[in-house]
Amino acid sequence: MSTPRRDRLYPRPHKTRHAWFLENDEPGTQPRQALIVSWRRHSYQWHARILYVVDVEGDPDPAVIERWVPREALRPVRADPNAAFGLR
């Protein structure tokens, strides 16, 4: 007897933690993949504490940057673990 589908699937995350981060609006600026750690509100504006990776010239290991950024600099990435692992 097979396992019911609901028992084989991972629950969808309630919060989006993955995002694209755009540091500035200058042409040629590449968005970075970011992980949202937490949120705070100050004077009716939301800011996210994020982590992202930067390649360091001459070093084989990247640097991990942590900083607060305005909500407007982020775009959420909706992730479905079932699709990622081919369970759909």
PDB file of N, CA and C in Angstrom:
ATOM      1  N   MET A   1       0.835  -1.172   0.000  1.00  0.00           N
ATOM      2  CA  MET A   1       0.000   0.000   0.000  1.00  0.00           C
ATOM      3  C   MET A   1       0.885   1.243   0.000  1.00  0.00           C
ATOM      4  N   SER A   2       0.558   2.219  -0.830  1.00  0.00           N
ATOM      5  CA  SER A   2       1.410   3.403  -0.935  1.00  0.00           C
ATOM      6  C   SER A   2       1.041   4.449   0.120  1.00  0.00           C
ATOM      7  N   THR A   3       1.976   5.345   0.363  1.00  0.00           N
ATOM      8  CA  THR A   3       1.781   6.429   1.321  1.00  0.00           C
ATOM      9  C   THR A   3       0.903   7.513   0.689  1.00  0.00           C
ATOM     10  N   PRO A   4      -0.055   8.064   1.438  1.00  0.00           N
ATOM     11  CA  PRO A   4      -0.880   9.139   0.871  1.00  0.00           C
ATOM     12  C   PRO A   4      -0.019  10.329   0.439  1.00  0.00           C
ATOM     13  N   ARG A   5      -0.454  11.010  -0.592  1.00  0.00           N
ATOM     14  CA  ARG A   5       0.309  12.123  -1.160  1.00  0.00           C
ATOM     15  C   ARG A   5       0.605  13.204  -0.121  1.00  0.00           C
ATOM     16  N   ARG A   6      -0.369  13.525   0.738  1.00  0.00           N
ATOM     17  CA  ARG A   6      -0.160  14.576   1.736  1.00  0.00           C
ATOM     18  C   ARG A   6       0.961  14.222   2.713  1.00  0.00           C
ATOM     19  N   ASP A   7       1.225  12.941   2.914  1.00  0.00           N
ATOM     20  CA  ASP A   7       2.290  12.514   3.808  1.00  0.00           C
ATOM     21  C   ASP A   7       3.652  12.489   3.112  1.00  0.00           C
ATOM     22  N   ARG A   8       3.666  12.514   1.798  1.00  0.00           N
ATOM     23  CA  ARG A   8       4.930  12.515   1.059  1.00  0.00           C
ATOM     24  C   ARG A   8       5.434  13.913   0.769  1.00  0.00           C
ATOM     25  N   LEU A   9       4.567  14.927   0.835  1.00  0.00           N
ATOM     26  CA  LEU A   9       4.939  16.292   0.479  1.00  0.00           C
ATOM     27  C   LEU A   9       5.403  17.079   1.699  1.00  0.00           C
ATOM     28  N   TYR A  10       6.341  17.988   1.462  1.00  0.00           N
ATOM     29  CA  TYR A  10       6.792  18.898   2.510  1.00  0.00           C
ATOM     30  C   TYR A  10       5.787  20.037   2.626  1.00  0.00           C
ATOM     31  N   PRO A  11       5.565  20.566   3.829  1.00  0.00           N
ATOM     32  CA  PRO A  11       4.668  21.718   3.939  1.00  0.00           C
ATOM     33  C   PRO A  11       5.301  22.953   3.293  1.00  0.00           C
ATOM     34  N   ARG A  12       4.483  23.770   2.656  1.00  0.00           N
ATOM     35  CA  ARG A  12       4.988  25.007   2.051  1.00  0.00           C
ATOM     36  C   ARG A  12       5.376  25.970   3.162  1.00  0.00           C
ATOM     37  N   PRO A  13       6.475  26.704   2.993  1.00  0.00           N
ATOM     38  CA  PRO A  13       6.880  27.657   4.035  1.00  0.00           C
ATOM     39  C   PRO A  13       5.839  28.764   4.196  1.00  0.00           C
ATOM     40  N   HIS A  14       5.599  29.171   5.426  1.00  0.00           N
ATOM     41  CA  HIS A  14       4.651  30.244   5.696  1.00  0.00           C
ATOM     42  C   HIS A  14       5.265  31.608   5.430  1.00  0.00           C
ATOM     43  N   LYS A  15       6.575  31.721   5.612  1.00  0.00           N
ATOM     44  CA  LYS A  15       7.284  32.985   5.392  1.00  0.00           C
ATOM     45  C   LYS A  15       8.297  32.798   4.274  1.00  0.00           C
ATOM     46  N   THR A  16       8.429  33.827   3.474  1.00  0.00           N
ATOM     47  CA  THR A  16       9.455  33.802   2.438  1.00  0.00           C
ATOM     48  C   THR A  16      10.748  34.326   3.035  1.00  0.00           C
ATOM     49  N   ARG A  17      11.784  33.533   2.990  1.00  0.00           N
ATOM     50  CA  ARG A  17      13.086  33.941   3.519  1.00  0.00           C
ATOM     51  C   ARG A  17      14.100  34.224   2.415  1.00  0.00           C
ATOM     52  N   HIS A  18      13.829  33.767   1.202  1.00  0.00           N
ATOM     53  CA  HIS A  18      14.734  34.011   0.087  1.00  0.00           C
ATOM     54  C   HIS A  18      14.285  35.260  -0.655  1.00  0.00           C
ATOM     55  N   ALA A  19      15.249  36.061  -1.108  1.00  0.00           N
ATOM     56  CA  ALA A  19      14.901  37.282  -1.828  1.00  0.00           C
ATOM     57  C   ALA A  19      16.036  37.674  -2.760  1.00  0.00           C
ATOM     58  N   TRP A  20      15.699  38.488  -3.740  1.00  0.00           N
ATOM     59  CA  TRP A  20      16.694  39.162  -4.560  1.00  0.00           C
ATOM     60  C   TRP A  20      16.908  40.534  -3.943  1.00  0.00           C
ATOM     61  N   PHE A  21      18.167  40.933  -3.810  1.00  0.00           N
ATOM     62  CA  PHE A  21      18.539  42.219  -3.213  1.00  0.00           C
ATOM     63  C   PHE A  21      19.219  43.062  -4.268  1.00  0.00           C
ATOM     64  N   LEU A  22      18.696  44.258  -4.512  1.00  0.00           N
ATOM     65  CA  LEU A  22      19.290  45.192  -5.470  1.00  0.00           C
ATOM     66  C   LEU A  22      19.864  46.363  -4.683  1.00  0.00           C
ATOM     67  N   GLU A  23      21.192  46.469  -4.697  1.00  0.00           N
ATOM     68  CA  GLU A  23      21.882  47.445  -3.866  1.00  0.00           C
ATOM     69  C   GLU A  23      21.626  48.885  -4.300  1.00  0.00           C
ATOM     70  N   ASN A  24      21.541  49.120  -5.606  1.00  0.00           N
ATOM     71  CA  ASN A  24      21.264  50.471  -6.105  1.00  0.00           C
ATOM     72  C   ASN A  24      20.594  50.382  -7.469  1.00  0.00           C
ATOM     73  N   ASP A  25      20.169  51.520  -7.983  1.00  0.00           N
ATOM     74  CA  ASP A  25      19.450  51.559  -9.257  1.00  0.00           C
ATOM     75  C   ASP A  25      20.341  51.865 -10.455  1.00  0.00           C
ATOM     76  N   GLU A  26      21.638  51.862 -10.270  1.00  0.00           N
ATOM     77  CA  GLU A  26      22.546  52.175 -11.378  1.00  0.00           C
ATOM     78  C   GLU A  26      22.483  51.089 -12.446  1.00  0.00           C
ATOM     79  N   PRO A  27      22.550  51.482 -13.727  1.00  0.00           N
ATOM     80  CA  PRO A  27      22.542  50.481 -14.798  1.00  0.00           C
ATOM     81  C   PRO A  27      23.713  49.501 -14.644  1.00  0.00           C
ATOM     82  N   GLY A  28      23.435  48.236 -14.881  1.00  0.00           N
ATOM     83  CA  GLY A  28      24.481  47.212 -14.794  1.00  0.00           C
ATOM     84  C   GLY A  28      24.627  46.583 -13.427  1.00  0.00           C
ATOM     85  N   THR A  29      23.939  47.114 -12.427  1.00  0.00           N
ATOM     86  CA  THR A  29      24.009  46.521 -11.093  1.00  0.00           C
ATOM     87  C   THR A  29      23.264  45.196 -11.091  1.00  0.00           C
ATOM     88  N   GLN A  30      23.925  44.158 -10.641  1.00  0.00           N
ATOM     89  CA  GLN A  30      23.330  42.817 -10.597  1.00  0.00           C
ATOM     90  C   GLN A  30      22.649  42.588  -9.253  1.00  0.00           C
ATOM     91  N   PRO A  31      21.430  42.042  -9.257  1.00  0.00           N
ATOM     92  CA  PRO A  31      20.823  41.679  -7.972  1.00  0.00           C
ATOM     93  C   PRO A  31      21.564  40.510  -7.343  1.00  0.00           C
ATOM     94  N   ARG A  32      21.530  40.466  -6.035  1.00  0.00           N
ATOM     95  CA  ARG A  32      22.190  39.393  -5.288  1.00  0.00           C
ATOM     96  C   ARG A  32      21.136  38.509  -4.623  1.00  0.00           C
ATOM     97  N   GLN A  33      21.462  37.242  -4.465  1.00  0.00           N
ATOM     98  CA  GLN A  33      20.607  36.348  -3.699  1.00  0.00           C
ATOM     99  C   GLN A  33      20.814  36.666  -2.222  1.00  0.00           C
ATOM    100  N   ALA A  34      19.719  36.783  -1.490  1.00  0.00           N
ATOM    101  CA  ALA A  34      19.819  37.137  -0.073  1.00  0.00           C
ATOM    102  C   ALA A  34      18.918  36.230   0.756  1.00  0.00           C
ATOM    103  N   LEU A  35      19.270  36.115   2.010  1.00  0.00           N
ATOM    104  CA  LEU A  35      18.472  35.380   2.980  1.00  0.00           C
ATOM    105  C   LEU A  35      17.977  36.391   4.010  1.00  0.00           C
ATOM    106  N   ILE A  36      16.659  36.492   4.183  1.00  0.00           N
ATOM    107  CA  ILE A  36      16.087  37.426   5.143  1.00  0.00           C
ATOM    108  C   ILE A  36      16.110  36.763   6.513  1.00  0.00           C
ATOM    109  N   VAL A  37      16.756  37.434   7.468  1.00  0.00           N
ATOM    110  CA  VAL A  37      16.891  36.899   8.814  1.00  0.00           C
ATOM    111  C   VAL A  37      15.793  37.438   9.727  1.00  0.00           C
ATOM    112  N   SER A  38      15.522  38.745   9.636  1.00  0.00           N
ATOM    113  CA  SER A  38      14.487  39.335  10.485  1.00  0.00           C
ATOM    114  C   SER A  38      14.013  40.656   9.890  1.00  0.00           C
ATOM    115  N   TRP A  39      12.931  41.178  10.474  1.00  0.00           N
ATOM    116  CA  TRP A  39      12.331  42.436  10.038  1.00  0.00           C
ATOM    117  C   TRP A  39      12.212  43.385  11.221  1.00  0.00           C
ATOM    118  N   ARG A  40      12.255  44.704  10.923  1.00  0.00           N
ATOM    119  CA  ARG A  40      11.961  45.703  11.937  1.00  0.00           C
ATOM    120  C   ARG A  40      11.301  46.902  11.257  1.00  0.00           C
ATOM    121  N   ARG A  41      10.511  47.624  12.029  1.00  0.00           N
ATOM    122  CA  ARG A  41       9.841  48.804  11.495  1.00  0.00           C
ATOM    123  C   ARG A  41      10.331  50.019  12.258  1.00  0.00           C
ATOM    124  N   HIS A  42      10.672  51.061  11.522  1.00  0.00           N
ATOM    125  CA  HIS A  42      11.127  52.308  12.118  1.00  0.00           C
ATOM    126  C   HIS A  42      10.457  53.452  11.368  1.00  0.00           C
ATOM    127  N   SER A  43       9.669  54.236  12.074  1.00  0.00           N
ATOM    128  CA  SER A  43       8.962  55.383  11.473  1.00  0.00           C
ATOM    129  C   SER A  43       8.148  54.972  10.246  1.00  0.00           C
ATOM    130  N   TYR A  44       7.351  53.953  10.383  1.00  0.00           N
ATOM    131  CA  TYR A  44       6.453  53.467   9.330  1.00  0.00           C
ATOM    132  C   TYR A  44       7.171  52.880   8.113  1.00  0.00           C
ATOM    133  N   GLN A  45       8.452  52.630   8.212  1.00  0.00           N
ATOM    134  CA  GLN A  45       9.195  51.998   7.118  1.00  0.00           C
ATOM    135  C   GLN A  45       9.781  50.680   7.609  1.00  0.00           C
ATOM    136  N   TRP A  46       9.657  49.658   6.764  1.00  0.00           N
ATOM    137  CA  TRP A  46      10.169  48.338   7.098  1.00  0.00           C
ATOM    138  C   TRP A  46      11.573  48.154   6.562  1.00  0.00           C
ATOM    139  N   HIS A  47      12.418  47.496   7.365  1.00  0.00           N
ATOM    140  CA  HIS A  47      13.780  47.131   6.978  1.00  0.00           C
ATOM    141  C   HIS A  47      13.979  45.656   7.283  1.00  0.00           C
ATOM    142  N   ALA A  48      14.764  45.002   6.450  1.00  0.00           N
ATOM    143  CA  ALA A  48      15.070  43.584   6.643  1.00  0.00           C
ATOM    144  C   ALA A  48      16.552  43.418   6.958  1.00  0.00           C
ATOM    145  N   ARG A  49      16.828  42.540   7.881  1.00  0.00           N
ATOM    146  CA  ARG A  49      18.218  42.144   8.152  1.00  0.00           C
ATOM    147  C   ARG A  49      18.491  40.967   7.239  1.00  0.00           C
ATOM    148  N   ILE A  50      19.474  41.132   6.348  1.00  0.00           N
ATOM    149  CA  ILE A  50      19.736  40.102   5.345  1.00  0.00           C
ATOM    150  C   ILE A  50      21.178  39.611   5.428  1.00  0.00           C
ATOM    151  N   LEU A  51      21.386  38.445   4.843  1.00  0.00           N
ATOM    152  CA  LEU A  51      22.717  37.879   4.635  1.00  0.00           C
ATOM    153  C   LEU A  51      22.884  37.644   3.144  1.00  0.00           C
ATOM    154  N   TYR A  52      24.055  37.983   2.619  1.00  0.00           N
ATOM    155  CA  TYR A  52      24.367  37.662   1.233  1.00  0.00           C
ATOM    156  C   TYR A  52      25.859  37.431   1.093  1.00  0.00           C
ATOM    157  N   VAL A  53      26.252  36.852  -0.019  1.00  0.00           N
ATOM    158  CA  VAL A  53      27.638  36.442  -0.239  1.00  0.00           C
ATOM    159  C   VAL A  53      28.276  37.336  -1.291  1.00  0.00           C
ATOM    160  N   VAL A  54      29.530  37.714  -1.034  1.00  0.00           N
ATOM    161  CA  VAL A  54      30.304  38.527  -1.971  1.00  0.00           C
ATOM    162  C   VAL A  54      31.615  37.806  -2.257  1.00  0.00           C
ATOM    163  N   ASP A  55      31.949  37.668  -3.533  1.00  0.00           N
ATOM    164  CA  ASP A  55      33.243  37.091  -3.895  1.00  0.00           C
ATOM    165  C   ASP A  55      34.341  38.112  -3.636  1.00  0.00           C
ATOM    166  N   VAL A  56      35.420  37.661  -2.977  1.00  0.00           N
ATOM    167  CA  VAL A  56      36.544  38.529  -2.654  1.00  0.00           C
ATOM    168  C   VAL A  56      37.680  38.203  -3.605  1.00  0.00           C
ATOM    169  N   GLU A  57      38.162  39.218  -4.292  1.00  0.00           N
ATOM    170  CA  GLU A  57      39.246  39.011  -5.264  1.00  0.00           C
ATOM    171  C   GLU A  57      40.495  38.504  -4.554  1.00  0.00           C
ATOM    172  N   GLY A  58      41.061  37.426  -5.073  1.00  0.00           N
ATOM    173  CA  GLY A  58      42.279  36.844  -4.513  1.00  0.00           C
ATOM    174  C   GLY A  58      42.036  35.873  -3.368  1.00  0.00           C
ATOM    175  N   ASP A  59      40.796  35.700  -2.965  1.00  0.00           N
ATOM    176  CA  ASP A  59      40.484  34.773  -1.872  1.00  0.00           C
ATOM    177  C   ASP A  59      39.534  33.710  -2.410  1.00  0.00           C
ATOM    178  N   PRO A  60      39.837  32.426  -2.210  1.00  0.00           N
ATOM    179  CA  PRO A  60      38.947  31.381  -2.730  1.00  0.00           C
ATOM    180  C   PRO A  60      37.612  31.305  -1.987  1.00  0.00           C
ATOM    181  N   ASP A  61      37.564  31.823  -0.750  1.00  0.00           N
ATOM    182  CA  ASP A  61      36.333  31.781   0.031  1.00  0.00           C
ATOM    183  C   ASP A  61      35.586  33.116  -0.078  1.00  0.00           C
ATOM    184  N   PRO A  62      34.279  33.058  -0.273  1.00  0.00           N
ATOM    185  CA  PRO A  62      33.511  34.308  -0.326  1.00  0.00           C
ATOM    186  C   PRO A  62      33.305  34.890   1.071  1.00  0.00           C
ATOM    187  N   ALA A  63      32.968  36.156   1.107  1.00  0.00           N
ATOM    188  CA  ALA A  63      32.653  36.826   2.369  1.00  0.00           C
ATOM    189  C   ALA A  63      31.136  36.845   2.545  1.00  0.00           C
ATOM    190  N   VAL A  64      30.690  36.660   3.772  1.00  0.00           N
ATOM    191  CA  VAL A  64      29.267  36.728   4.091  1.00  0.00           C
ATOM    192  C   VAL A  64      29.003  38.101   4.704  1.00  0.00           C
ATOM    193  N   ILE A  65      28.075  38.840   4.099  1.00  0.00           N
ATOM    194  CA  ILE A  65      27.745  40.190   4.541  1.00  0.00           C
ATOM    195  C   ILE A  65      26.380  40.160   5.225  1.00  0.00           C
ATOM    196  N   GLU A  66      26.291  40.834   6.361  1.00  0.00           N
ATOM    197  CA  GLU A  66      25.027  40.982   7.077  1.00  0.00           C
ATOM    198  C   GLU A  66      24.743  42.471   7.185  1.00  0.00           C
ATOM    199  N   ARG A  67      23.509  42.879   6.825  1.00  0.00           N
ATOM    200  CA  ARG A  67      23.166  44.294   6.933  1.00  0.00           C
ATOM    201  C   ARG A  67      21.660  44.494   6.912  1.00  0.00           C
ATOM    202  N   TRP A  68      21.239  45.679   7.320  1.00  0.00           N
ATOM    203  CA  TRP A  68      19.842  46.080   7.261  1.00  0.00           C
ATOM    204  C   TRP A  68      19.615  46.837   5.962  1.00  0.00           C
ATOM    205  N   VAL A  69      18.535  46.504   5.262  1.00  0.00           N
ATOM    206  CA  VAL A  69      18.205  47.183   4.005  1.00  0.00           C
ATOM    207  C   VAL A  69      16.711  47.520   3.996  1.00  0.00           C
ATOM    208  N   PRO A  70      16.331  48.574   3.257  1.00  0.00           N
ATOM    209  CA  PRO A  70      14.905  48.902   3.166  1.00  0.00           C
ATOM    210  C   PRO A  70      14.140  47.835   2.384  1.00  0.00           C
ATOM    211  N   ARG A  71      12.896  47.657   2.726  1.00  0.00           N
ATOM    212  CA  ARG A  71      12.042  46.661   2.079  1.00  0.00           C
ATOM    213  C   ARG A  71      12.002  46.845   0.573  1.00  0.00           C
ATOM    214  N   GLU A  72      12.065  48.081   0.118  1.00  0.00           N
ATOM    215  CA  GLU A  72      11.975  48.376  -1.313  1.00  0.00           C
ATOM    216  C   GLU A  72      13.136  47.795  -2.118  1.00  0.00           C
ATOM    217  N   ALA A  73      14.246  47.449  -1.474  1.00  0.00           N
ATOM    218  CA  ALA A  73      15.417  46.901  -2.169  1.00  0.00           C
ATOM    219  C   ALA A  73      15.319  45.388  -2.362  1.00  0.00           C
ATOM    220  N   LEU A  74      14.237  44.767  -1.880  1.00  0.00           N
ATOM    221  CA  LEU A  74      14.096  43.305  -1.922  1.00  0.00           C
ATOM    222  C   LEU A  74      12.919  42.882  -2.788  1.00  0.00           C
ATOM    223  N   ARG A  75      13.079  41.729  -3.430  1.00  0.00           N
ATOM    224  CA  ARG A  75      11.995  41.070  -4.161  1.00  0.00           C
ATOM    225  C   ARG A  75      11.945  39.631  -3.685  1.00  0.00           C
ATOM    226  N   PRO A  76      10.797  39.163  -3.159  1.00  0.00           N
ATOM    227  CA  PRO A  76      10.723  37.805  -2.627  1.00  0.00           C
ATOM    228  C   PRO A  76      10.873  36.741  -3.703  1.00  0.00           C
ATOM    229  N   VAL A  77      11.435  35.627  -3.309  1.00  0.00           N
ATOM    230  CA  VAL A  77      11.539  34.452  -4.172  1.00  0.00           C
ATOM    231  C   VAL A  77      10.730  33.361  -3.502  1.00  0.00           C
ATOM    232  N   ARG A  78       9.627  33.014  -4.095  1.00  0.00           N
ATOM    233  CA  ARG A  78       8.768  31.966  -3.538  1.00  0.00           C
ATOM    234  C   ARG A  78       9.403  30.610  -3.833  1.00  0.00           C
ATOM    235  N   ALA A  79       9.594  29.826  -2.804  1.00  0.00           N
ATOM    236  CA  ALA A  79      10.232  28.526  -2.959  1.00  0.00           C
ATOM    237  C   ALA A  79       9.260  27.420  -2.592  1.00  0.00           C
ATOM    238  N   ASP A  80       9.240  26.375  -3.396  1.00  0.00           N
ATOM    239  CA  ASP A  80       8.434  25.208  -3.107  1.00  0.00           C
ATOM    240  C   ASP A  80       9.369  24.007  -2.992  1.00  0.00           C
ATOM    241  N   PRO A  81       9.587  23.510  -1.763  1.00  0.00           N
ATOM    242  CA  PRO A  81      10.533  22.395  -1.601  1.00  0.00           C
ATOM    243  C   PRO A  81      10.099  21.144  -2.350  1.00  0.00           C
ATOM    244  N   ASN A  82       8.803  20.971  -2.587  1.00  0.00           N
ATOM    245  CA  ASN A  82       8.333  19.791  -3.308  1.00  0.00           C
ATOM    246  C   ASN A  82       8.783  19.813  -4.761  1.00  0.00           C
ATOM    247  N   ALA A  83       8.713  20.987  -5.372  1.00  0.00           N
ATOM    248  CA  ALA A  83       9.166  21.114  -6.760  1.00  0.00           C
ATOM    249  C   ALA A  83      10.684  20.936  -6.838  1.00  0.00           C
ATOM    250  N   ALA A  84      11.393  21.462  -5.856  1.00  0.00           N
ATOM    251  CA  ALA A  84      12.855  21.370  -5.858  1.00  0.00           C
ATOM    252  C   ALA A  84      13.337  19.921  -5.788  1.00  0.00           C
ATOM    253  N   PHE A  85      12.594  19.075  -5.085  1.00  0.00           N
ATOM    254  CA  PHE A  85      12.980  17.684  -4.929  1.00  0.00           C
ATOM    255  C   PHE A  85      12.169  16.739  -5.803  1.00  0.00           C
ATOM    256  N   GLY A  86      11.423  17.303  -6.753  1.00  0.00           N
ATOM    257  CA  GLY A  86      10.699  16.491  -7.722  1.00  0.00           C
ATOM    258  C   GLY A  86       9.561  15.682  -7.133  1.00  0.00           C
ATOM    259  N   LEU A  87       8.894  16.200  -6.121  1.00  0.00           N
ATOM    260  CA  LEU A  87       7.825  15.458  -5.467  1.00  0.00           C
ATOM    261  C   LEU A  87       6.444  15.836  -5.986  1.00  0.00           C
ATOM    262  N   ARG A  88       6.338  16.750  -6.886  1.00  0.00           N
ATOM    263  CA  ARG A  88       5.018  17.174  -7.389  1.00  0.00           C
ATOM    264  C   ARG A  88       4.518  16.238  -8.439  1.00  0.00           C
TER     265      ARG A  88
END
